[in-house]
Protein backbone atom coordinates (compact mmCIF):
# COMPACT_ATOMS: atom_id res chain seq x y z
CA MET A 1 -4.96 -41.08 15.61
CA ARG A 2 -2.25 -42.27 17.40
CA GLY A 3 0.01 -38.88 18.50
CA LEU A 4 -2.60 -36.43 16.85
CA GLY A 5 -1.39 -32.35 16.67
CA LEU A 6 -3.84 -30.45 16.23
CA LEU A 7 -4.39 -26.68 15.76
CA ARG A 8 -6.89 -24.93 18.17
CA SER A 9 -9.01 -22.23 18.20
CA LEU A 10 -8.10 -19.87 20.98
CA ALA A 11 -11.88 -19.43 21.19
CA VAL A 12 -13.71 -22.29 21.40
CA VAL A 13 -16.88 -23.35 23.20
CA SER A 14 -18.35 -26.88 23.89
CA ALA A 15 -21.21 -27.72 22.01
CA GLY A 16 -22.83 -30.77 19.99
CA THR A 17 -21.44 -34.12 19.60
CA GLY A 18 -18.02 -34.06 19.14
CA LEU A 19 -18.27 -30.42 17.39
CA VAL A 20 -17.03 -27.40 19.42
CA LEU A 21 -17.49 -23.73 17.92
CA GLY A 22 -16.58 -20.64 18.59
CA ALA A 23 -16.69 -17.47 16.95
CA THR A 24 -14.37 -14.05 17.15
CA ASN A 25 -13.73 -10.99 15.67
CA ALA A 26 -16.89 -8.71 15.17
CA SER A 27 -17.38 -6.45 12.92
CA VAL A 28 -19.83 -3.90 11.69
CA PRO A 29 -23.14 -5.27 10.37
CA LEU A 30 -23.86 -5.18 6.10
CA ASN A 31 -26.43 -6.36 3.40
CA LEU A 32 -26.02 -6.39 0.41
CA VAL A 33 -28.52 -5.57 -2.30
CA HIS A 34 -28.45 -5.48 -5.98
CA ARG A 35 -25.75 -4.60 -8.39
CA ALA A 36 -25.85 -1.55 -9.54
CA THR A 37 -27.33 -1.31 -13.01
CA GLY A 38 -26.39 1.93 -13.78
CA GLY A 39 -30.17 2.48 -14.86
CA THR A 40 -33.36 3.35 -13.32
CA ALA A 41 -36.81 1.06 -12.48
CA SER A 42 -38.23 2.95 -15.57
CA THR A 43 -36.26 1.97 -18.20
CA THR A 44 -35.77 -1.15 -17.41
CA PRO A 45 -37.15 -3.72 -19.44
CA ALA A 46 -40.54 -5.37 -17.76
CA ASP A 47 -38.55 -8.94 -19.13
CA ALA A 48 -35.17 -8.33 -18.23
CA THR A 49 -32.95 -9.98 -15.96
CA HIS A 50 -31.07 -8.65 -12.58
CA ALA A 51 -28.68 -9.76 -10.28
CA ASP A 52 -29.32 -10.17 -6.99
CA PRO A 53 -26.72 -11.17 -3.79
CA VAL A 54 -27.61 -15.02 -2.85
CA ALA A 55 -29.45 -14.83 0.02
CA VAL A 56 -28.26 -18.42 1.10
CA ALA A 57 -25.29 -19.77 0.82
CA GLN A 58 -24.12 -23.43 1.81
CA THR A 59 -20.74 -25.44 2.05
CA ILE A 60 -19.59 -28.84 3.29
CA CYS A 61 -16.72 -29.75 5.75
CA PRO A 62 -16.06 -33.75 5.10
CA GLY A 63 -15.14 -33.98 8.53
CA PRO A 64 -12.79 -36.70 9.86
CA GLU A 65 -11.82 -39.21 6.33
CA ALA A 66 -11.25 -41.92 8.60
CA LEU A 67 -14.11 -42.50 10.37
CA GLY A 68 -17.52 -43.79 9.22
CA VAL A 69 -16.18 -46.05 6.71
CA ALA A 70 -19.02 -48.00 5.19
CA GLY A 71 -18.37 -51.70 6.75
CA LEU A 72 -15.63 -50.91 8.84
CA LYS A 73 -15.63 -50.43 12.77
CA ASP A 74 -13.76 -47.16 13.37
CA SER A 75 -10.63 -47.91 15.49
CA ARG A 76 -9.39 -44.07 15.84
CA VAL A 77 -9.48 -40.90 16.50
CA GLN A 78 -9.46 -38.09 14.94
CA ILE A 79 -10.72 -34.33 14.69
CA SER A 80 -10.46 -32.29 12.51
CA SER A 81 -10.66 -28.39 12.95
CA LEU A 82 -12.74 -25.97 11.17
CA THR A 83 -12.21 -22.20 10.65
CA ALA A 84 -15.42 -20.23 8.29
CA VAL A 85 -15.89 -16.39 7.83
CA SER A 86 -17.94 -13.98 5.59
CA ALA A 87 -15.76 -12.40 3.06
CA PRO A 88 -14.66 -8.71 3.90
CA LEU A 89 -16.34 -5.94 2.22
CA ALA A 90 -12.81 -4.90 0.72
CA SER A 91 -12.71 -7.72 -1.75
CA LEU A 92 -16.05 -7.93 -3.05
CA PRO A 93 -16.77 -6.55 -6.65
CA THR A 94 -17.54 -3.07 -7.52
CA GLY A 95 -21.51 -2.27 -7.62
CA PHE A 96 -22.76 -3.99 -4.98
CA ALA A 97 -24.11 -1.50 -2.86
CA VAL A 98 -24.19 -2.20 1.49
CA ILE A 99 -26.90 -0.88 3.80
CA GLN A 100 -27.30 -2.18 7.39
CA GLY A 101 -28.80 -4.90 8.27
CA ALA A 102 -28.19 -8.92 9.98
CA GLY A 103 -27.25 -12.15 8.79
CA THR A 104 -26.22 -15.49 10.19
CA LEU A 105 -23.05 -17.69 9.29
CA THR A 106 -23.73 -21.45 11.22
CA PHE A 107 -21.95 -24.86 11.39
CA SER A 108 -24.77 -27.41 12.28
CA GLY A 109 -23.90 -31.76 11.66
CA LEU A 110 -24.71 -34.18 9.11
CA PRO A 111 -26.07 -36.40 9.43
CA VAL A 112 -27.39 -35.69 13.18
CA GLY A 113 -28.38 -31.84 11.99
CA GLY A 114 -28.57 -29.40 14.80
CA ILE A 115 -26.46 -26.28 15.39
CA TRP A 116 -23.21 -26.07 17.33
CA ALA A 117 -22.76 -22.75 19.19
CA ALA A 118 -24.47 -19.39 18.27
CA PRO A 119 -23.99 -18.55 14.99
CA ALA A 120 -22.53 -15.53 13.50
CA THR A 121 -24.23 -12.34 12.82
CA VAL A 122 -21.88 -9.73 11.21
CA ARG A 123 -19.92 -9.70 8.47
CA GLY A 124 -16.23 -10.36 9.69
CA GLN A 125 -17.24 -12.91 12.39
CA VAL A 126 -14.42 -15.62 12.13
CA ILE A 127 -15.82 -19.47 13.21
CA SER A 128 -13.72 -22.29 14.56
CA GLY A 129 -13.51 -25.15 16.12
CA GLN A 130 -12.87 -29.06 16.01
CA ILE A 131 -15.29 -31.82 14.44
CA SER A 132 -14.57 -35.33 16.04
CA THR A 133 -17.46 -37.93 14.72
CA ALA A 134 -18.02 -39.68 12.00
CA GLN A 135 -20.25 -36.23 10.67
CA SER A 136 -19.98 -34.13 7.45
CA ALA A 137 -20.00 -30.42 9.21
CA LEU A 138 -22.25 -27.98 7.33
CA LEU A 139 -21.65 -24.35 6.95
CA ALA A 140 -24.43 -22.09 6.23
CA GLY A 141 -24.64 -18.61 5.49
CA ASP A 142 -28.05 -16.50 5.40
CA GLY A 143 -28.59 -13.14 4.47
CA PRO A 144 -26.16 -10.23 4.33
CA ILE A 145 -23.64 -13.18 5.26
CA ALA A 146 -24.33 -15.34 2.31
CA PRO A 147 -22.29 -13.92 -0.77
CA GLY A 148 -18.67 -14.79 0.02
CA THR A 149 -19.13 -16.73 2.45
CA VAL A 150 -15.72 -19.95 2.96
CA ALA A 151 -14.95 -22.37 5.37
CA THR A 152 -11.77 -24.94 5.04
CA GLN A 153 -11.09 -28.23 7.10
CA ARG A 154 -8.27 -29.49 8.75
CA SER A 155 -6.54 -31.78 10.25
CA TRP A 156 -2.60 -31.61 11.05
CA VAL A 157 -1.11 -35.07 12.36
CA LYS A 158 2.32 -34.59 13.02
CA THR A 159 3.67 -38.32 14.44
CA GLY A 160 2.21 -41.73 13.72
CA ASP A 161 0.73 -43.77 11.00
CA ASP A 162 -1.13 -41.45 10.00
CA ARG A 163 1.63 -38.50 9.84
CA GLY A 164 0.44 -35.38 7.21
CA LEU A 165 -1.23 -32.38 6.63
CA PHE A 166 -4.23 -32.43 5.22
CA THR A 167 -6.65 -29.54 3.81
CA ALA A 168 -9.78 -29.43 2.62
CA ALA A 169 -11.84 -25.81 1.38
CA CYS A 170 -15.37 -26.72 2.09
CA MET A 171 -17.60 -27.03 -0.75
CA PRO A 172 -21.07 -26.78 -2.62
CA PRO A 173 -22.64 -29.77 -3.50
CA ALA A 174 -22.85 -30.60 -7.01
CA ALA A 175 -24.38 -33.27 -9.57
CA SER A 176 -20.99 -34.21 -10.99
CA SER A 177 -17.04 -34.01 -9.93
CA TRP A 178 -14.28 -35.16 -11.10
CA LEU A 179 -11.44 -36.24 -8.71
CA ILE A 180 -8.32 -37.22 -9.06
CA GLY A 181 -5.46 -38.52 -6.22
CA GLY A 182 -4.56 -41.96 -5.49
CA GLY A 183 -1.97 -44.75 -6.16
CA ALA A 184 -1.17 -49.02 -5.74
CA GLN A 185 1.69 -48.60 -3.75
CA PRO A 186 1.18 -51.15 -0.78
CA GLY A 187 -0.31 -49.21 2.18
CA ARG A 188 -1.97 -46.23 -0.15
CA ARG A 189 -5.28 -45.90 0.64
CA GLU A 190 -7.59 -43.86 -0.78
CA ARG A 191 -11.46 -42.85 1.12
CA LEU A 192 -14.25 -41.20 -0.51
CA VAL A 193 -16.73 -38.94 1.50
CA LEU A 194 -19.97 -38.25 -0.32
CA THR A 195 -22.06 -36.04 1.69
CA ASN A 196 -25.98 -35.21 1.43
CA PRO A 197 -26.81 -31.84 2.99
CA GLY A 198 -30.49 -32.55 0.59
CA PRO A 199 -33.93 -33.82 2.95
CA ASN A 200 -33.84 -36.93 0.27
CA PRO A 201 -31.55 -39.48 -0.42
CA VAL A 202 -29.42 -39.34 -3.51
CA THR A 203 -27.70 -42.24 -5.79
CA VAL A 204 -24.39 -41.92 -6.46
CA ASP A 205 -22.71 -43.55 -9.78
CA LEU A 206 -18.84 -44.03 -9.27
CA SER A 207 -16.91 -43.98 -12.55
CA VAL A 208 -12.94 -44.89 -11.91
CA LEU A 209 -10.49 -44.06 -15.26
CA GLY A 210 -7.06 -46.26 -14.70
CA VAL A 211 -3.67 -46.85 -17.19
CA THR A 212 -5.10 -49.50 -19.00
CA GLY A 213 -9.17 -47.88 -19.17
CA GLU A 214 -12.18 -47.47 -17.48
CA VAL A 215 -11.86 -49.79 -14.36
CA GLN A 216 -15.13 -52.09 -14.41
CA SER A 217 -16.49 -52.53 -10.95
CA PRO A 218 -20.23 -53.21 -9.66
CA ASN A 219 -19.14 -51.98 -6.00
CA GLY A 220 -19.33 -48.42 -7.25
CA ARG A 221 -22.79 -48.14 -8.99
CA GLY A 222 -26.54 -47.19 -6.98
CA LEU A 223 -24.92 -46.18 -3.82
CA VAL A 224 -27.23 -44.24 -1.94
CA VAL A 225 -26.48 -41.21 0.92
CA GLY A 226 -28.94 -40.59 3.24
CA PRO A 227 -30.94 -37.66 3.92
CA TYR A 228 -28.84 -35.19 5.30
CA ALA A 229 -26.24 -37.67 5.96
CA ARG A 230 -22.91 -38.58 4.64
CA THR A 231 -20.87 -41.89 3.37
CA VAL A 232 -17.58 -43.35 3.49
CA VAL A 233 -16.16 -45.81 0.44
CA LEU A 234 -12.98 -47.03 0.72
CA LEU A 235 -12.17 -46.57 -3.03
CA ASP A 236 -9.68 -49.88 -3.52
CA ALA A 237 -13.43 -51.87 -3.27
CA ILE A 238 -13.87 -50.09 -6.75
CA ALA A 239 -10.58 -49.35 -8.61
CA GLY A 240 -8.86 -52.12 -6.51
CA SER A 241 -4.64 -51.81 -7.04
CA GLU A 242 -5.36 -49.55 -10.02
CA PRO A 243 -2.05 -47.33 -9.86
CA SER A 244 -3.67 -44.25 -11.45
CA PRO A 245 -7.05 -43.68 -10.25
CA VAL A 246 -9.60 -40.55 -11.75
CA VAL A 247 -13.55 -40.97 -10.14
CA GLN A 248 -15.89 -38.88 -11.35
CA VAL A 249 -18.65 -38.99 -9.28
CA VAL A 250 -22.76 -38.88 -10.57
CA THR A 251 -25.64 -38.66 -8.68
CA GLN A 252 -29.00 -38.51 -9.27
CA GLY A 253 -31.90 -37.55 -7.20
CA GLY A 254 -30.13 -34.14 -5.59
CA GLU A 255 -26.30 -33.65 -4.77
CA VAL A 256 -23.44 -34.63 -2.82
CA ALA A 257 -19.90 -32.85 -2.23
CA ALA A 258 -16.95 -35.53 -3.22
CA VAL A 259 -13.87 -34.93 -1.49
CA LEU A 260 -10.92 -37.75 -2.03
CA SER A 261 -8.44 -38.18 0.53
CA ASP A 262 -5.35 -39.78 0.10
CA THR A 263 -3.39 -41.46 2.96
CA TRP A 264 -0.11 -43.69 1.90
CA LEU A 265 1.31 -45.83 4.92
CA ASP A 266 5.25 -47.31 3.11
CA GLY A 267 5.74 -50.34 5.33
CA VAL A 268 6.45 -48.39 8.64
CA ILE A 269 7.50 -45.40 7.50
CA PRO A 270 4.36 -42.89 7.01
CA ARG A 271 4.56 -41.21 3.71
CA GLY A 272 1.38 -38.68 4.41
CA GLY A 273 -1.52 -37.22 2.23
CA ASP A 274 -3.74 -35.03 1.58
CA ASP A 275 -7.40 -34.22 0.55
CA ALA A 276 -8.32 -33.87 -3.45
CA ALA A 277 -11.32 -31.72 -4.04
CA PRO A 278 -12.49 -31.58 -7.45
CA VAL A 279 -10.80 -30.97 -9.94
CA ALA A 280 -11.91 -28.60 -13.14
CA PRO A 281 -14.23 -30.37 -15.43
CA PRO A 282 -12.28 -31.90 -18.64
CA ALA A 283 -11.38 -29.17 -20.87
CA ARG A 284 -8.60 -29.12 -23.68
CA GLN A 285 -6.46 -26.28 -21.05
CA GLN A 286 -5.96 -26.99 -17.83
CA VAL A 287 -4.30 -25.04 -15.12
CA ILE A 288 -2.86 -25.99 -11.71
CA ALA A 289 -1.87 -23.61 -9.08
CA GLY A 290 0.29 -24.15 -6.24
CA VAL A 291 2.38 -26.66 -7.14
CA SER A 292 5.19 -26.25 -5.21
CA ILE A 293 8.12 -29.09 -6.80
CA VAL A 294 11.45 -29.87 -4.39
CA GLY A 295 12.12 -33.70 -5.36
CA ARG A 296 9.45 -36.24 -6.56
CA ALA A 297 6.30 -35.03 -8.24
CA THR A 298 3.75 -36.78 -10.43
CA LEU A 299 1.27 -34.50 -13.54
CA ARG A 300 -2.07 -36.94 -14.00
CA VAL A 301 -4.11 -36.45 -16.85
CA ALA A 302 -6.96 -38.24 -17.84
CA VAL A 303 -9.19 -38.66 -20.84
CA PRO A 304 -12.74 -39.08 -19.98
CA GLY A 305 -13.83 -39.65 -24.38
CA ASP A 306 -13.02 -42.11 -27.33
CA ASN A 307 -10.68 -40.51 -28.93
CA GLU A 308 -6.47 -40.10 -27.42
CA ALA A 309 -5.30 -37.18 -26.78
CA VAL A 310 -2.15 -35.50 -27.48
CA VAL A 311 -1.24 -33.86 -24.67
CA GLU A 312 1.59 -31.03 -23.99
CA SER A 313 2.57 -29.96 -21.01
CA ARG A 314 4.75 -27.44 -19.62
CA VAL A 315 5.89 -25.56 -16.19
CA LEU A 316 4.97 -21.87 -15.77
CA THR A 317 7.45 -19.96 -12.96
CA PRO A 318 7.72 -16.49 -11.98
CA THR A 319 10.01 -15.45 -14.57
CA GLY A 320 7.67 -17.19 -17.05
CA PRO A 321 7.35 -20.25 -18.90
CA MET A 322 9.48 -23.58 -18.94
CA ALA A 323 9.55 -26.63 -20.86
CA LEU A 324 9.70 -30.02 -19.10
CA PRO A 325 12.94 -31.72 -19.43
CA SER A 326 11.25 -34.96 -20.81
CA GLY A 327 10.00 -32.07 -24.25
CA GLY A 328 6.20 -32.39 -22.38
CA VAL A 329 4.17 -34.36 -25.53
CA THR A 330 2.74 -37.56 -24.80
CA ARG A 331 0.02 -39.47 -25.74
CA VAL A 332 -3.11 -40.75 -23.62
CA PRO A 333 -5.73 -43.04 -25.09
CA GLY A 334 -9.08 -42.59 -24.50
CA HIS A 335 -10.70 -43.80 -20.98
CA SER A 336 -7.45 -43.63 -19.59
CA THR A 337 -4.98 -42.14 -17.38
CA LYS A 338 -1.46 -41.29 -17.75
CA ASP A 339 0.98 -40.21 -14.46
CA ILE A 340 4.04 -37.97 -16.24
CA ASP A 341 7.16 -37.55 -14.18
CA LEU A 342 7.93 -33.69 -13.01
CA GLY A 343 10.70 -34.40 -10.29
CA SER A 344 13.03 -33.56 -12.79
CA LEU A 345 12.44 -30.08 -12.46
CA PRO A 346 14.56 -27.27 -10.39
CA PRO A 347 13.06 -27.42 -6.75
CA GLY A 348 10.57 -23.74 -7.07
CA ALA A 349 7.53 -22.99 -7.55
CA TYR A 350 5.52 -24.00 -10.31
CA ALA A 351 1.80 -23.58 -11.99
CA VAL A 352 1.90 -26.62 -14.35
CA GLN A 353 -0.18 -26.04 -17.58
CA VAL A 354 -1.89 -29.05 -20.23
CA ARG A 355 -3.11 -28.27 -23.71
CA ALA A 356 -4.38 -30.80 -25.64
CA ASP A 357 -6.63 -31.57 -28.68
CA VAL A 358 -9.64 -33.09 -26.73
CA PRO A 359 -10.47 -32.09 -23.19
CA VAL A 360 -8.62 -34.56 -20.66
CA GLY A 361 -8.74 -33.78 -16.71
CA ALA A 362 -5.10 -33.19 -14.30
CA ALA A 363 -3.68 -32.96 -11.14
CA ALA A 364 -0.04 -33.06 -10.03
CA MET A 365 1.19 -34.51 -6.84
CA VAL A 366 4.07 -33.02 -4.89
CA GLU A 367 6.15 -35.05 -2.24
CA ARG A 368 8.51 -33.67 0.53
CA ARG A 369 10.86 -36.40 1.29
CA PRO A 370 13.53 -36.16 3.84
CA GLY A 371 17.12 -36.91 3.11
CA ASP A 372 17.22 -40.40 4.98
CA PRO A 373 14.72 -42.48 2.99
CA GLY A 374 13.39 -44.06 6.35
CA ALA A 375 12.18 -40.90 7.49
CA PRO A 376 8.88 -39.74 7.69
CA SER A 377 7.30 -37.45 5.08
CA ASP A 378 4.18 -35.83 2.76
CA LEU A 379 2.80 -35.45 -0.22
CA ALA A 380 0.10 -32.78 -1.61
CA TRP A 381 -2.63 -32.99 -4.33
CA SER A 382 -3.31 -29.96 -6.46
CA GLY A 383 -6.22 -29.99 -8.97
CA ALA A 384 -6.79 -28.07 -12.17
CA SER A 385 -9.23 -24.94 -11.79
CA ALA A 386 -11.28 -23.37 -13.67
CA PRO A 387 -10.37 -19.02 -14.00
CA ILE A 388 -11.68 -16.46 -10.95
CA ARG A 389 -14.77 -14.71 -12.41
CA THR A 390 -15.24 -12.10 -9.54
CA LEU A 391 -13.96 -13.47 -6.06
CA ALA A 392 -12.44 -16.99 -4.89
CA GLY A 393 -11.18 -16.72 -0.81
CA MET A 394 -10.39 -19.78 1.36
CA ALA A 395 -10.14 -19.79 5.61
CA LEU A 396 -6.79 -19.93 7.28
CA HIS A 397 -6.30 -20.99 10.38
CA GLY A 398 -2.98 -18.87 11.04
CA ALA A 399 0.55 -20.10 11.39
CA SER A 400 -0.06 -20.22 15.21
CA GLU A 401 1.22 -23.40 15.95
CA GLY A 402 4.25 -25.40 14.53
CA GLY A 403 5.53 -23.46 12.37
CA LEU A 404 3.11 -23.65 9.94
CA ILE A 405 3.50 -21.53 7.09
CA GLU A 406 0.88 -20.26 4.78
CA ARG A 407 1.60 -18.35 1.27
CA LEU A 408 -0.68 -17.58 -2.05
CA ASP A 409 -0.41 -18.79 -5.50
CA LEU A 410 -1.49 -16.73 -8.43
CA VAL A 411 -0.63 -17.83 -11.74
CA ALA A 412 -2.07 -15.85 -14.85
CA THR A 413 -2.52 -17.50 -18.77
CA THR A 414 -2.13 -16.72 -22.41
CA THR A 415 -2.06 -12.69 -21.41
CA PRO A 416 -0.98 -9.90 -18.38
CA ALA A 417 -4.00 -10.14 -15.57
CA SER A 418 -4.48 -8.47 -12.18
CA VAL A 419 -6.39 -9.49 -9.06
CA LEU A 420 -7.21 -7.49 -5.93
CA VAL A 421 -5.47 -9.32 -2.95
CA THR A 422 -7.89 -9.00 0.29
CA THR A 423 -6.34 -10.29 3.52
CA VAL A 424 -7.86 -10.51 7.08
CA GLY A 425 -5.60 -10.59 10.27
CA ALA A 426 -6.74 -11.89 13.64
CA GLY A 427 -8.01 -8.64 14.90
CA GLY A 428 -10.06 -8.64 11.76
CA GLN A 429 -8.60 -5.65 10.03
CA ALA A 430 -8.84 -6.04 6.46
CA THR A 431 -5.56 -5.28 4.53
CA THR A 432 -6.17 -5.11 -0.09
CA LYS A 433 -3.14 -4.84 -2.48
CA GLU A 434 -3.37 -4.84 -6.09
CA VAL A 435 -0.89 -7.56 -7.59
CA ALA A 436 -0.33 -7.57 -11.71
CA ILE A 437 1.08 -11.08 -12.56
CA GLY A 438 2.74 -11.32 -16.26
CA ALA A 439 1.27 -13.53 -18.82
CA ASP A 440 1.81 -17.30 -18.47
CA SER A 441 3.55 -15.90 -15.05
CA VAL A 442 3.16 -16.84 -11.08
CA VAL A 443 3.14 -14.66 -8.30
CA LEU A 444 3.69 -15.44 -4.96
CA MET A 445 2.76 -13.59 -1.98
CA PRO A 446 3.06 -14.83 2.37
CA LEU A 447 0.23 -14.99 4.13
CA ALA A 448 1.69 -15.00 7.57
CA GLY A 449 -0.91 -14.30 10.32
CA ALA A 450 -3.97 -13.77 8.06
CA ARG A 451 -7.48 -15.43 9.23
CA SER A 452 -8.82 -15.40 5.44
CA VAL A 453 -7.55 -14.30 1.99
CA GLY A 454 -9.86 -13.40 -0.73
CA VAL A 455 -8.47 -12.80 -4.67
CA THR A 456 -10.91 -10.58 -6.94
CA ALA A 457 -10.99 -10.90 -10.43
CA HIS A 458 -9.83 -7.81 -12.17
CA GLY A 459 -8.64 -9.02 -15.31
CA GLY A 460 -7.10 -11.42 -17.37
CA ALA A 461 -6.93 -15.86 -16.41
CA VAL A 462 -6.26 -16.31 -13.19
CA ARG A 463 -6.15 -19.31 -10.82
CA ALA A 464 -4.46 -19.42 -7.32
CA ALA A 465 -4.40 -21.97 -5.06
CA VAL A 466 -2.95 -21.57 -1.08
CA VAL A 467 0.15 -23.65 -0.95
CA SER A 468 0.48 -24.73 3.38
CA GLY A 469 3.50 -26.37 5.05
CA ALA A 470 5.97 -26.41 7.91
CA SER A 471 9.69 -28.60 7.96
CA ALA A 472 10.61 -30.07 11.08
CA PRO A 473 13.43 -32.95 12.46
CA ALA A 474 11.28 -35.27 12.21
CA GLY A 475 9.83 -34.45 8.56
CA SER A 476 8.41 -31.74 6.64
CA SER A 477 4.58 -31.21 6.37
CA LEU A 478 2.76 -30.08 3.01
CA SER A 479 -0.93 -29.06 1.93
CA VAL A 480 -2.42 -27.30 -1.00
CA THR A 481 -5.74 -25.68 -1.41
CA PRO A 482 -6.76 -24.58 -5.12
CA LEU A 483 -9.06 -21.52 -4.92
CA ALA A 484 -12.67 -21.79 -6.22
CA SER A 485 -15.03 -18.85 -7.43
CA LEU A 486 -17.50 -17.50 -5.17
CA THR A 487 -21.04 -17.90 -6.44
CA LEU A 488 -22.35 -14.43 -5.14
CA THR A 489 -25.49 -12.95 -7.34
CA THR A 490 -28.51 -15.09 -8.31
CA THR A 491 -30.47 -14.32 -11.50
CA SER A 492 -33.79 -13.26 -11.46
CA SER A 493 -36.06 -13.08 -14.36
CA PRO A 494 -39.75 -10.96 -13.42
CA LEU A 495 -42.65 -12.79 -14.05
CA ARG A 496 -44.95 -11.56 -16.40
CA GLU A 497 -48.30 -11.68 -17.11
CA LEU A 498 -49.81 -13.94 -20.28
CA HIS A 499 -52.71 -12.64 -22.07
CA ASP A 500 -54.36 -14.69 -24.65
C-alpha cells in the first residue's frame, strides 16, 4: 500500500519469507494440569469424563487481505503486524493446578509453512512481528502454553487510497461461519480470506443473503482451499452489487478460518475499512459490544430461515437500556437482510441488543467522518458475539504509535454480572481488577499501554470488545474487535474394557 503507516515491534528479528518475528517479556515457566474436581481417583466412577487443559491450541491470522486475490496479480505492498501471547496465570479460571514445565508458542506461514524466529517457551512471552506476503499466519501453542493462547493482526494505513485501521482477532478454523460486512457503494470492495491449516484440501460453499433474498451465484460453490493454504475471493464475484450482504461459509472435508475485509474508496476519498470476523450463529437474541457511535452508524440483521422475523432492537448504555429513536421494531423477510439506521443516536459508547421471534444474525457498522465531506474517514464493524463462558482475551499492540487509544467495552444482559479483567503491561506485569456490570448496561475500561487483556467470567451473561482508535488532522481511525471465549480444556472419557 502507498503511504503505509506501520505498527512496529520493538523486538523484531529477520526471518522467513516476508514474516519477521521476535519474543519479549519472559516469565516463570508454568504447566497446567487437570481441573480440580474435589474428588479422588478412588471415588471417581470408571466411566466418568474429566476436563484436561488443551495440549495444542491453533489460531489463524488472515495475513495481508489485499494480496493473493484469486485471478489477480498483486500490484501493491501491504504489511500487517502480528502479536501473540498466552494468557497470564492470574486470568485463568479457578481450579487449574500449576506445576513447573515448558511449552512453545510459534508462528508459521500458510501456505509456505516453516517456522519464523525462535518460539516463546514460557507463559507471558509476547511474540510480535510483521507479514508482507500473500500468506496467512498460524499461531500454535502447545504444552503448558496452549490454554489461553491469543493472537491479533493489525494493519494501520494512515494515508492514501487504502487508508484505514484494520484489526482482526486470529481465530481457530471452523466448519461453518457467518460473516457480516460490505456494501454496494461505488468503490466498496470486500475480500473474503479463507485459510486451511490442515493437510487435506477443503471444499467451501459460500451462500449470500441480501435485501431481496438469497443471492443466486454458482461462483461461490465448490471453492477448493488447498492443504496448508489460503484463498482470497472478491465477494463482488459472488454477491454482485448486493447492498447488504451476509455470507455463510460452509466446508466439506475439513475446516477453514474465514475473515471478511471491507474497504471503501468513495471516488477519490478513502472511507476506510475493517476486518469482520465470524459473528455468533443465528439466535433469537444477539448482543453486539463495542458500538461507538459518533454520526453515521448502521445495524445489519439477517434472517437465514424461511419465516419472516419480527425484530426488536435497542441500545445498552453505561446507565442502562435506551430505545431507538425509530421505535426499534421492524420486520425482515426470511432468507434476507435489512439495514437499520442508528445514526440519529446521540454520540456515545453503546452495545446493541437484537431480539426476534426467529433466529437472526447481526452486526453493526460505525463511521468516523470529519466535518469536511471531502476529507478521509474510517469505518468499523462489530459483530454479535456469544457470552464469555470462561475466559476471553486479546493480544494488543500497545498505544505506542500515532496516538492510538484502546478501550475495553463490557456489556451485561438480563441480570447484573461480574468479570475479572487482567491486563499485562510492556514489562510483563499482570494487573487484575474485579468489574461489576449492571443489568442491560455497559462498562468502559481504558487499556493504555497494555500488551494483552483477558476477561474471566465470574457470573452473568457478559460480552466484550476492544475499541481501537486515533484522531488526527487528516481524519480519525477506528477498529472494533469482539472477544470470543477461548477453549481451555478438553473433555475425555476413559476407555473401558468390554466383556461378553
